[in-house]
């Protein structure tokens, strides 16, 4: 597995066992990214449409799995008491991935799609419970496994290989769904994604779990737990920004896929080509660069630049139609491919860096609790509710004025405004030790350019 680590990381890590562990951690994302893309992207949107689900039911289908945050307090308490991160990760991972296999197969044996809602809700809540243990244990585990000075480069390279896997699998799945676009076709893709998701978890079986630092005298008092996290000035500000940012994102995020399918009349191969291939191809050239930048300059300035650009991407979607979408979507995905991976990378790095070693799993649990409920699930449901209630009336009013206006534009515009608030109001309040400001990086870049010119 020579390509699973970048040269600088492989040369830095002298311990052979740690080097092998990091390779397995990287290999896992090559399987796991397919699971994530299918269960959150265009395939699950097409699956919901094939079953006759409306915008709100589609949003509900996406919201239930991300409610894992609601269970993470319980998961973190179990983890803090036992210290068995690897066991929690493996059991949680299987519970998170396997239910999707039944979600895929149930429609093949149930004639009326309305009868699927109850079983789907139960299965997806099980994935949420498993996801709680998965998320809490992974963040705590990786914080102790991956050396601090290598995290940016390691996770940057890991994201790079995940991007390659995403690109190749996305094109193959897109072609398959255009060829076999029935409920059976979607079920096959979802089943395959569930199996690959399990393969992701199996990659962690040989990985060592370093001793976890924990407070053996801590009794798990929930009130004390929350007070400690919210009393931490830096982490609490980071939590506020992160939750608000992802709520702003998720108000619109699930509906770009439906907009492409319904309004732009894009087929699944075109969606995979433009949304995954273009964005992921761009990411191939940028993600390792951002990994090095975070190691050198810190995460906050990179987050600010990336979220500033991402804030205005939904506006570009409002300029698209069936005739011109190719050029505009191409521009959107090039920018998304550059800056969205930087956001994910820096937010994950900040979660690890700003949470203290002692009780880190609790801090991550609180972050994911609010992120899962208010950042993700509430964002999906608010977006779906707006699309089924307010948005059609606004669209008809705009059409009466002679302005082409899709109902989806309502949530796109709302997302733009909320993203800008998060970037320019909340992010500047977060402080990261030894990180340069955006102004300082700009000054360094200007000095370098002047030096080259001379």
Protein backbone atom coordinates (compact mmCIF):
# COMPACT_ATOMS: atom_id res chain seq x y z
CA UNK A 1 0.00 0.00 0.00
CA UNK A 2 2.75 2.47 -0.96
CA UNK A 3 0.50 5.31 -2.18
CA UNK A 4 -1.67 5.46 0.92
CA UNK A 5 0.74 7.84 2.67
CA UNK A 6 2.37 10.93 1.21
CA UNK A 7 6.18 10.87 1.07
CA UNK A 8 6.66 13.51 3.76
CA UNK A 9 4.32 11.74 6.20
CA UNK A 10 5.87 8.31 5.47
CA UNK A 11 9.40 9.66 5.95
CA UNK A 12 8.48 11.44 9.20
CA UNK A 13 6.81 8.42 10.84
CA UNK A 14 9.60 6.07 11.91
CA UNK A 15 7.43 3.58 13.80
CA UNK A 16 6.51 0.76 11.31
CA UNK A 17 3.31 -0.12 13.19
CA UNK A 18 2.09 3.50 13.18
CA UNK A 19 2.93 3.77 9.49
CA UNK A 20 0.80 0.70 8.73
CA UNK A 21 -2.02 2.01 10.93
CA UNK A 22 -2.11 5.32 9.07
CA UNK A 23 -2.28 3.42 5.77
CA UNK A 24 -5.34 1.48 6.93
CA UNK A 25 -6.98 4.71 8.16
CA UNK A 26 -6.41 6.16 4.69
CA UNK A 27 -7.62 3.05 2.88
CA UNK A 28 -10.92 3.19 4.77
CA UNK A 29 -11.94 6.49 3.23
CA UNK A 30 -11.63 5.01 -0.28
CA UNK A 31 -14.59 2.75 0.61
CA UNK A 32 -16.37 5.07 2.99
CA UNK A 33 -16.57 8.00 0.58
CA UNK A 34 -18.74 5.92 -1.76
CA UNK A 35 -21.14 5.17 1.09
CA UNK A 36 -21.34 8.85 2.05
CA UNK A 37 -21.81 10.08 -1.53
CA UNK A 38 -24.60 7.61 -2.28
CA UNK A 39 -26.53 8.03 0.98
CA UNK A 40 -26.36 11.84 0.95
CA UNK A 41 -26.11 12.72 -2.74
CA UNK A 42 -27.94 12.40 -6.05
CA UNK A 43 -28.56 8.61 -5.81
CA UNK A 44 -30.61 8.93 -2.61
CA UNK A 45 -32.41 11.93 -4.14
CA UNK A 46 -33.31 9.80 -7.14
CA UNK A 47 -34.29 6.94 -4.85
CA UNK A 48 -36.70 9.22 -2.96
CA UNK A 49 -38.14 10.53 -6.21
CA UNK A 50 -38.60 6.99 -7.59
CA UNK A 51 -40.56 6.13 -4.43
CA UNK A 52 -42.76 9.21 -4.89
CA UNK A 53 -41.45 11.14 -1.86
CA UNK A 54 -41.89 14.95 -1.84
CA UNK A 55 -39.30 17.54 -0.80
CA UNK A 56 -40.10 17.29 2.91
CA UNK A 57 -40.04 13.47 3.03
CA UNK A 58 -36.77 13.53 1.10
CA UNK A 59 -35.38 15.98 3.67
CA UNK A 60 -36.62 13.70 6.45
CA UNK A 61 -34.85 10.76 4.80
CA UNK A 62 -31.61 12.73 5.04
CA UNK A 63 -32.29 14.23 8.46
CA UNK A 64 -32.81 11.02 10.45
CA UNK A 65 -29.28 9.60 10.00
CA UNK A 66 -27.62 12.88 11.02
CA UNK A 67 -29.53 12.92 14.30
CA UNK A 68 -26.56 10.92 15.56
CA UNK A 69 -25.54 14.10 17.35
CA UNK A 70 -28.49 13.66 19.70
CA UNK A 71 -27.01 10.36 20.91
CA UNK A 72 -23.42 11.49 21.20
CA UNK A 73 -23.70 12.63 24.79
CA UNK A 74 -24.61 9.07 25.73
CA UNK A 75 -21.86 7.72 23.47
CA UNK A 76 -19.24 10.02 24.97
CA UNK A 77 -20.23 9.04 28.53
CA UNK A 78 -19.82 5.37 27.62
CA UNK A 79 -16.49 6.15 25.98
CA UNK A 80 -15.24 8.20 28.93
CA UNK A 81 -16.15 5.46 31.40
CA UNK A 82 -14.73 2.55 29.38
CA UNK A 83 -11.95 4.11 27.27
CA UNK A 84 -12.65 1.46 24.60
CA UNK A 85 -12.60 3.68 21.53
CA UNK A 86 -11.82 0.95 19.02
CA UNK A 87 -14.67 -1.30 20.15
CA UNK A 88 -17.07 1.67 20.14
CA UNK A 89 -15.92 2.63 16.65
CA UNK A 90 -16.33 -0.86 15.20
CA UNK A 91 -19.74 -1.60 16.75
CA UNK A 92 -20.99 1.89 15.98
CA UNK A 93 -19.70 1.65 12.43
CA UNK A 94 -21.53 -1.59 11.69
CA UNK A 95 -24.74 -0.18 13.21
CA UNK A 96 -24.32 2.94 11.08
CA UNK A 97 -23.74 1.18 7.75
CA UNK A 98 -25.66 -2.12 7.75
CA UNK A 99 -29.21 -0.67 8.11
CA UNK A 100 -28.80 0.96 4.70
CA UNK A 101 -28.69 -2.52 3.21
CA UNK A 102 -32.25 -3.07 4.47
CA UNK A 103 -33.30 0.42 3.32
CA UNK A 104 -32.13 -0.64 -0.13
CA UNK A 105 -33.92 -3.99 -0.14
CA UNK A 106 -37.24 -3.13 1.55
CA UNK A 107 -38.79 -1.37 -1.50
CA UNK A 108 -38.36 -4.58 -3.48
CA UNK A 109 -40.78 -6.40 -1.17
CA UNK A 110 -43.22 -3.61 -0.20
CA UNK A 111 -45.78 -2.62 -2.83
CA UNK A 112 -46.99 0.68 -1.30
CA UNK A 113 -44.15 3.19 -0.70
CA UNK A 114 -46.16 4.82 2.12
CA UNK A 115 -45.72 1.64 4.12
CA UNK A 116 -41.96 2.18 4.01
CA UNK A 117 -41.93 5.30 6.17
CA UNK A 118 -42.13 3.47 9.53
CA UNK A 119 -39.44 0.87 8.75
CA UNK A 120 -37.23 3.53 7.15
CA UNK A 121 -37.52 5.73 10.24
CA UNK A 122 -36.52 2.85 12.54
CA UNK A 123 -33.58 1.81 10.38
CA UNK A 124 -32.29 5.34 9.93
CA UNK A 125 -32.53 6.07 13.65
CA UNK A 126 -30.39 2.96 14.18
CA UNK A 127 -27.83 4.40 11.77
CA UNK A 128 -27.95 7.61 13.81
CA UNK A 129 -27.24 5.72 17.04
CA UNK A 130 -24.33 3.90 15.42
CA UNK A 131 -23.09 7.15 13.93
CA UNK A 132 -22.93 8.68 17.41
CA UNK A 133 -20.40 6.12 18.62
CA UNK A 134 -18.61 6.26 15.27
CA UNK A 135 -18.07 10.01 15.33
CA UNK A 136 -17.12 10.41 18.99
CA UNK A 137 -14.66 7.52 18.97
CA UNK A 138 -13.08 8.44 15.61
CA UNK A 139 -12.23 12.03 16.53
CA UNK A 140 -10.82 11.07 19.92
CA UNK A 141 -8.95 8.09 18.46
CA UNK A 142 -7.36 10.03 15.59
CA UNK A 143 -6.32 12.88 17.90
CA UNK A 144 -4.11 10.42 19.81
CA UNK A 145 -3.03 8.34 16.81
CA UNK A 146 -1.97 11.01 14.30
CA UNK A 147 0.92 13.25 15.44
CA UNK A 148 -0.18 16.87 15.82
CA UNK A 149 2.49 18.26 13.48
CA UNK A 150 1.34 15.92 10.68
CA UNK A 151 -2.43 16.22 10.92
CA UNK A 152 -2.85 18.77 8.14
CA UNK A 153 -0.70 16.84 5.67
CA UNK A 154 -2.03 13.42 6.67
CA UNK A 155 -5.72 14.31 6.48
CA UNK A 156 -5.07 16.35 3.36
CA UNK A 157 -3.56 13.34 1.59
CA UNK A 158 -6.32 11.11 2.96
CA UNK A 159 -8.92 13.48 1.52
CA UNK A 160 -7.02 13.44 -1.78
CA UNK A 161 -7.30 9.67 -2.15
CA UNK A 162 -10.93 9.81 -1.05
CA UNK A 163 -11.50 12.33 -3.81
CA UNK A 164 -10.07 9.98 -6.43
CA UNK A 165 -12.34 7.17 -5.20
CA UNK A 166 -15.30 9.56 -5.21
CA UNK A 167 -14.59 10.66 -8.77
CA UNK A 168 -14.30 7.16 -10.25
CA UNK A 169 -17.21 5.67 -8.31
CA UNK A 170 -19.44 8.67 -9.03
CA UNK A 171 -19.08 8.34 -12.78
CA UNK A 172 -19.70 4.59 -12.68
CA UNK A 173 -22.78 4.96 -10.46
CA UNK A 174 -24.11 7.82 -12.61
CA UNK A 175 -23.85 5.71 -15.78
CA UNK A 176 -25.49 2.75 -14.02
CA UNK A 177 -28.46 4.79 -12.77
CA UNK A 178 -29.06 6.31 -16.20
CA UNK A 179 -29.10 2.79 -17.65
CA UNK A 180 -31.09 1.14 -14.85
CA UNK A 181 -33.01 4.07 -13.34
CA UNK A 182 -35.81 2.08 -11.71
CA UNK A 183 -36.34 1.46 -8.01
CA UNK A 184 -34.39 -1.78 -8.50
CA UNK A 185 -31.42 0.15 -9.90
CA UNK A 186 -31.39 2.54 -6.96
CA UNK A 187 -31.70 -0.38 -4.54
CA UNK A 188 -28.65 -2.06 -6.09
CA UNK A 189 -26.59 1.12 -5.72
CA UNK A 190 -27.67 1.65 -2.10
CA UNK A 191 -26.91 -1.99 -1.24
CA UNK A 192 -23.45 -1.71 -2.81
CA UNK A 193 -22.83 1.51 -0.86
CA UNK A 194 -23.78 -0.21 2.40
CA UNK A 195 -21.35 -3.06 1.70
CA UNK A 196 -18.53 -0.64 0.90
CA UNK A 197 -19.38 1.29 4.06
CA UNK A 198 -18.83 -1.89 6.06
CA UNK A 199 -15.49 -2.40 4.27
CA UNK A 200 -14.51 1.08 5.49
CA UNK A 201 -15.11 0.01 9.10
CA UNK A 202 -13.23 -3.27 8.61
CA UNK A 203 -10.11 -1.32 7.60
CA UNK A 204 -9.81 -0.13 11.21
CA UNK A 205 -9.72 -3.63 12.73
CA UNK A 206 -5.87 -3.88 12.66
CA UNK A 207 -5.32 -0.25 13.78
CA UNK A 208 -3.92 0.24 17.31
CA UNK A 209 -5.82 2.30 19.88
CA UNK A 210 -3.38 4.27 22.06
CA UNK A 211 -4.31 4.62 25.74
CA UNK A 212 -7.06 7.21 26.08
CA UNK A 213 -6.53 10.05 28.55
CA UNK A 214 -9.63 10.28 30.71
CA UNK A 215 -10.72 11.56 34.07
CA UNK A 216 -11.39 8.47 36.15
CA UNK A 217 -13.02 10.56 38.89
CA UNK A 218 -15.52 12.18 36.53
CA UNK A 219 -18.98 10.89 37.37
CA UNK A 220 -20.66 11.78 34.10
CA UNK A 221 -22.79 14.63 35.45
CA UNK A 222 -24.48 16.05 32.37
CA UNK A 223 -24.90 19.53 33.84
CA UNK A 224 -21.22 19.68 34.74
CA UNK A 225 -20.45 18.33 31.27
CA UNK A 226 -22.27 21.15 29.46
CA UNK A 227 -21.01 23.84 31.82
CA UNK A 228 -17.42 22.79 31.20
CA UNK A 229 -17.80 22.94 27.42
CA UNK A 230 -19.71 26.23 27.29
CA UNK A 231 -17.34 27.80 29.81
CA UNK A 232 -14.45 27.16 27.42
CA UNK A 233 -14.36 30.54 25.62
CA UNK A 234 -12.57 29.46 22.45
CA UNK A 235 -14.36 26.16 21.90
CA UNK A 236 -17.81 27.62 22.60
CA UNK A 237 -17.27 30.31 19.94
CA UNK A 238 -16.07 27.67 17.50
CA UNK A 239 -19.16 25.58 18.27
CA UNK A 240 -21.47 28.54 17.58
CA UNK A 241 -19.81 29.28 14.24
CA UNK A 242 -19.76 25.63 13.11
CA UNK A 243 -23.40 24.91 13.93
CA UNK A 244 -24.62 28.12 12.30
CA UNK A 245 -22.44 27.58 9.22
CA UNK A 246 -23.70 24.03 8.61
CA UNK A 247 -27.31 25.06 9.25
CA UNK A 248 -26.84 27.76 6.57
CA UNK A 249 -25.36 25.14 4.26
CA UNK A 250 -27.96 22.41 4.87
CA UNK A 251 -30.98 24.67 4.36
CA UNK A 252 -30.16 24.34 0.65
CA UNK A 253 -27.67 21.46 0.32
CA UNK A 254 -30.03 18.49 -0.27
CA UNK A 255 -32.04 20.39 -2.86
CA UNK A 256 -29.28 21.12 -5.36
CA UNK A 257 -29.65 17.49 -6.45
CA UNK A 258 -33.42 17.76 -6.87
CA UNK A 259 -33.02 21.08 -8.70
CA UNK A 260 -30.62 19.47 -11.16
CA UNK A 261 -32.91 16.49 -11.71
CA UNK A 262 -36.23 18.34 -11.93
CA UNK A 263 -35.48 21.84 -13.23
CA UNK A 264 -32.25 21.48 -15.20
CA UNK A 265 -33.20 18.00 -16.51
CA UNK A 266 -29.71 16.65 -15.85
CA UNK A 267 -29.25 12.89 -15.95
CA UNK A 268 -27.27 11.04 -13.29
CA UNK A 269 -24.12 10.70 -15.39
CA UNK A 270 -24.12 14.45 -16.01
CA UNK A 271 -24.60 15.08 -12.30
CA UNK A 272 -21.71 12.73 -11.49
CA UNK A 273 -19.55 14.30 -14.21
CA UNK A 274 -20.12 17.91 -13.16
CA UNK A 275 -20.75 17.59 -9.44
CA UNK A 276 -18.28 14.86 -8.55
CA UNK A 277 -15.74 14.60 -11.40
CA UNK A 278 -15.16 18.33 -11.87
CA UNK A 279 -15.22 19.18 -8.16
CA UNK A 280 -13.15 16.16 -7.19
CA UNK A 281 -10.71 16.68 -10.05
CA UNK A 282 -10.15 20.23 -8.81
CA UNK A 283 -9.75 18.95 -5.25
CA UNK A 284 -6.95 16.65 -6.39
CA UNK A 285 -4.80 19.71 -7.06
CA UNK A 286 -5.83 21.76 -4.04
CA UNK A 287 -6.37 19.59 -0.96
CA UNK A 288 -2.72 18.80 -0.21
CA UNK A 289 -1.91 22.47 -0.75
CA UNK A 290 -4.45 23.43 1.90
CA UNK A 291 -3.09 20.74 4.21
CA UNK A 292 0.34 22.36 4.06
CA UNK A 293 -1.14 25.83 4.50
CA UNK A 294 -2.94 24.83 7.69
CA UNK A 295 0.24 23.33 9.13
CA UNK A 296 2.11 26.56 8.33
CA UNK A 297 -0.42 29.36 8.91
CA UNK A 298 -3.16 27.80 11.04
CA UNK A 299 -6.75 26.84 10.31
CA UNK A 300 -8.71 30.05 10.96
CA UNK A 301 -7.36 32.14 8.03
CA UNK A 302 -7.89 29.22 5.62
CA UNK A 303 -11.43 28.73 6.94
CA UNK A 304 -12.19 32.43 6.47
CA UNK A 305 -11.03 32.51 2.85
CA UNK A 306 -12.81 29.24 1.97
CA UNK A 307 -16.13 30.12 3.61
CA UNK A 308 -16.06 33.59 2.06
CA UNK A 309 -16.04 32.04 -1.41
CA UNK A 310 -18.49 29.25 -0.53
CA UNK A 311 -20.96 31.76 0.88
CA UNK A 312 -21.81 33.08 -2.56
CA UNK A 313 -21.94 29.85 -4.56
CA UNK A 314 -25.74 29.39 -4.12
CA UNK A 315 -26.25 32.71 -5.92
CA UNK A 316 -24.67 31.24 -9.06
CA UNK A 317 -27.22 28.41 -9.06
CA UNK A 318 -29.97 31.05 -9.39
CA UNK A 319 -28.46 32.06 -12.74
CA UNK A 320 -28.81 28.59 -14.27
CA UNK A 321 -31.44 27.26 -16.67
CA UNK A 322 -31.74 24.33 -19.08
CA UNK A 323 -29.87 26.23 -21.78
CA UNK A 324 -26.87 27.65 -19.90
CA UNK A 325 -26.26 25.37 -16.92
CA UNK A 326 -23.12 23.71 -18.30
CA UNK A 327 -20.83 26.72 -18.02
CA UNK A 328 -22.24 28.02 -14.72
CA UNK A 329 -22.28 24.62 -13.01
CA UNK A 330 -18.71 24.07 -14.23
CA UNK A 331 -17.61 27.31 -12.54
CA UNK A 332 -19.52 26.45 -9.35
CA UNK A 333 -17.95 23.01 -9.08
CA UNK A 334 -14.41 24.23 -9.75
CA UNK A 335 -14.78 26.71 -6.89
CA UNK A 336 -16.48 24.10 -4.70
CA UNK A 337 -13.72 21.61 -5.45
CA UNK A 338 -11.12 24.11 -4.30
CA UNK A 339 -12.75 25.53 -1.19
CA UNK A 340 -15.21 22.99 0.30
CA UNK A 341 -12.51 20.41 1.13
CA UNK A 342 -10.56 23.21 2.82
CA UNK A 343 -13.60 23.98 4.99
CA UNK A 344 -14.09 20.34 6.01
CA UNK A 345 -10.36 19.91 6.69
CA UNK A 346 -9.98 23.03 8.82
CA UNK A 347 -13.21 22.50 10.80
CA UNK A 348 -12.08 18.97 11.71
CA UNK A 349 -8.62 20.22 12.62
CA UNK A 350 -10.07 22.98 14.80
CA UNK A 351 -12.36 20.55 16.60
CA UNK A 352 -9.31 18.52 17.58
CA UNK A 353 -7.06 21.49 18.30
CA UNK A 354 -9.46 23.63 20.34
CA UNK A 355 -10.77 20.79 22.52
CA UNK A 356 -8.56 19.89 25.52
CA UNK A 357 -6.94 16.45 25.82
CA UNK A 358 -8.93 15.71 28.96
CA UNK A 359 -12.62 15.13 28.15
CA UNK A 360 -12.00 15.64 24.42
CA UNK A 361 -14.68 13.07 23.60
CA UNK A 362 -17.18 15.17 25.63
CA UNK A 363 -16.29 18.32 23.71
CA UNK A 364 -16.65 16.53 20.39
CA UNK A 365 -19.94 15.05 21.59
CA UNK A 366 -21.37 18.47 22.43
CA UNK A 367 -20.21 19.83 19.08
CA UNK A 368 -21.80 16.94 17.22
CA UNK A 369 -24.95 17.09 19.37
CA UNK A 370 -25.68 20.64 18.29
CA UNK A 371 -24.31 20.07 14.79
CA UNK A 372 -26.43 16.97 14.24
CA UNK A 373 -29.68 18.44 15.56
CA UNK A 374 -29.46 22.14 14.70
CA UNK A 375 -26.80 22.27 12.01
CA UNK A 376 -27.79 19.26 9.92
CA UNK A 377 -31.23 17.81 10.69
CA UNK A 378 -32.93 21.14 11.39
CA UNK A 379 -31.33 22.63 8.31
CA UNK A 380 -32.69 19.83 6.12
CA UNK A 381 -36.18 20.02 7.63
CA UNK A 382 -36.39 23.82 7.50
CA UNK A 383 -35.35 23.75 3.86
CA UNK A 384 -37.89 21.03 3.05
CA UNK A 385 -40.67 22.83 4.94
CA UNK A 386 -39.94 26.12 3.13
CA UNK A 387 -40.03 24.37 -0.23
CA UNK A 388 -43.42 22.79 0.46
CA UNK A 389 -45.04 25.87 2.02
CA UNK A 390 -43.58 29.31 1.28
CA UNK A 391 -41.37 28.78 -1.76
CA UNK A 392 -44.12 27.88 -4.30
CA UNK A 393 -46.01 31.11 -3.51
CA UNK A 394 -42.87 33.23 -3.88
CA UNK A 395 -42.04 31.49 -7.16
CA UNK A 396 -45.52 32.11 -8.57
CA UNK A 397 -45.33 35.77 -7.55
CA UNK A 398 -41.97 36.21 -9.26
CA UNK A 399 -43.25 34.41 -12.37
CA UNK A 400 -46.22 36.84 -12.46
CA UNK A 401 -43.66 39.65 -12.72
CA UNK A 402 -42.09 37.94 -15.71
CA UNK A 403 -39.05 36.67 -13.80
CA UNK A 404 -38.08 33.03 -14.13
CA UNK A 405 -37.89 31.83 -10.54
CA UNK A 406 -37.68 28.25 -9.29
CA UNK A 407 -38.99 27.47 -5.79
CA UNK A 408 -35.52 26.12 -5.06
CA UNK A 409 -34.11 29.64 -5.46
CA UNK A 410 -35.77 30.60 -2.16
CA UNK A 411 -33.60 28.23 -0.12
CA UNK A 412 -30.54 29.00 -2.28
CA UNK A 413 -30.83 32.73 -1.50
CA UNK A 414 -31.55 32.09 2.18
CA UNK A 415 -28.46 29.88 2.38
CA UNK A 416 -26.31 32.64 0.87
CA UNK A 417 -27.39 35.19 3.46
CA UNK A 418 -26.91 32.83 6.41
CA UNK A 419 -23.49 31.66 5.19
CA UNK A 420 -22.32 35.26 4.94
CA UNK A 421 -23.49 35.95 8.50
CA UNK A 422 -21.52 32.95 9.78
CA UNK A 423 -18.36 33.91 7.89
CA UNK A 424 -18.20 37.63 8.52
CA UNK A 425 -19.83 37.81 11.97
CA UNK A 426 -19.19 34.58 13.88
CA UNK A 427 -15.90 33.21 12.53
CA UNK A 428 -13.80 36.32 13.40
CA UNK A 429 -14.64 35.72 17.09
CA UNK A 430 -12.87 32.32 17.07
CA UNK A 431 -9.25 32.41 18.22
CA UNK A 432 -6.60 29.83 17.32
CA UNK A 433 -3.23 29.84 19.05
CA UNK A 434 -0.28 30.68 16.74
CA UNK A 435 -2.54 31.09 13.69
CA UNK A 436 -1.87 34.03 11.39
CA UNK A 437 -4.64 36.44 10.55
CA UNK A 438 -5.90 36.83 6.99
CA UNK A 439 -4.29 40.26 6.89
CA UNK A 440 -0.91 38.78 7.89
CA UNK A 441 -1.10 36.13 5.18
CA UNK A 442 -2.03 38.77 2.62
CA UNK A 443 0.98 40.84 3.69
CA UNK A 444 3.30 37.83 3.36
CA UNK A 445 1.91 37.01 -0.09
CA UNK A 446 2.31 40.62 -1.25
CA UNK A 447 5.87 40.71 0.03
CA UNK A 448 6.64 37.47 -1.81
CA UNK A 449 5.17 38.79 -5.05
CA UNK A 450 7.17 41.99 -4.77
CA UNK A 451 10.31 39.96 -4.11
CA UNK A 452 9.72 37.83 -7.21
CA UNK A 453 9.07 40.94 -9.28
CA UNK A 454 12.38 42.43 -8.14
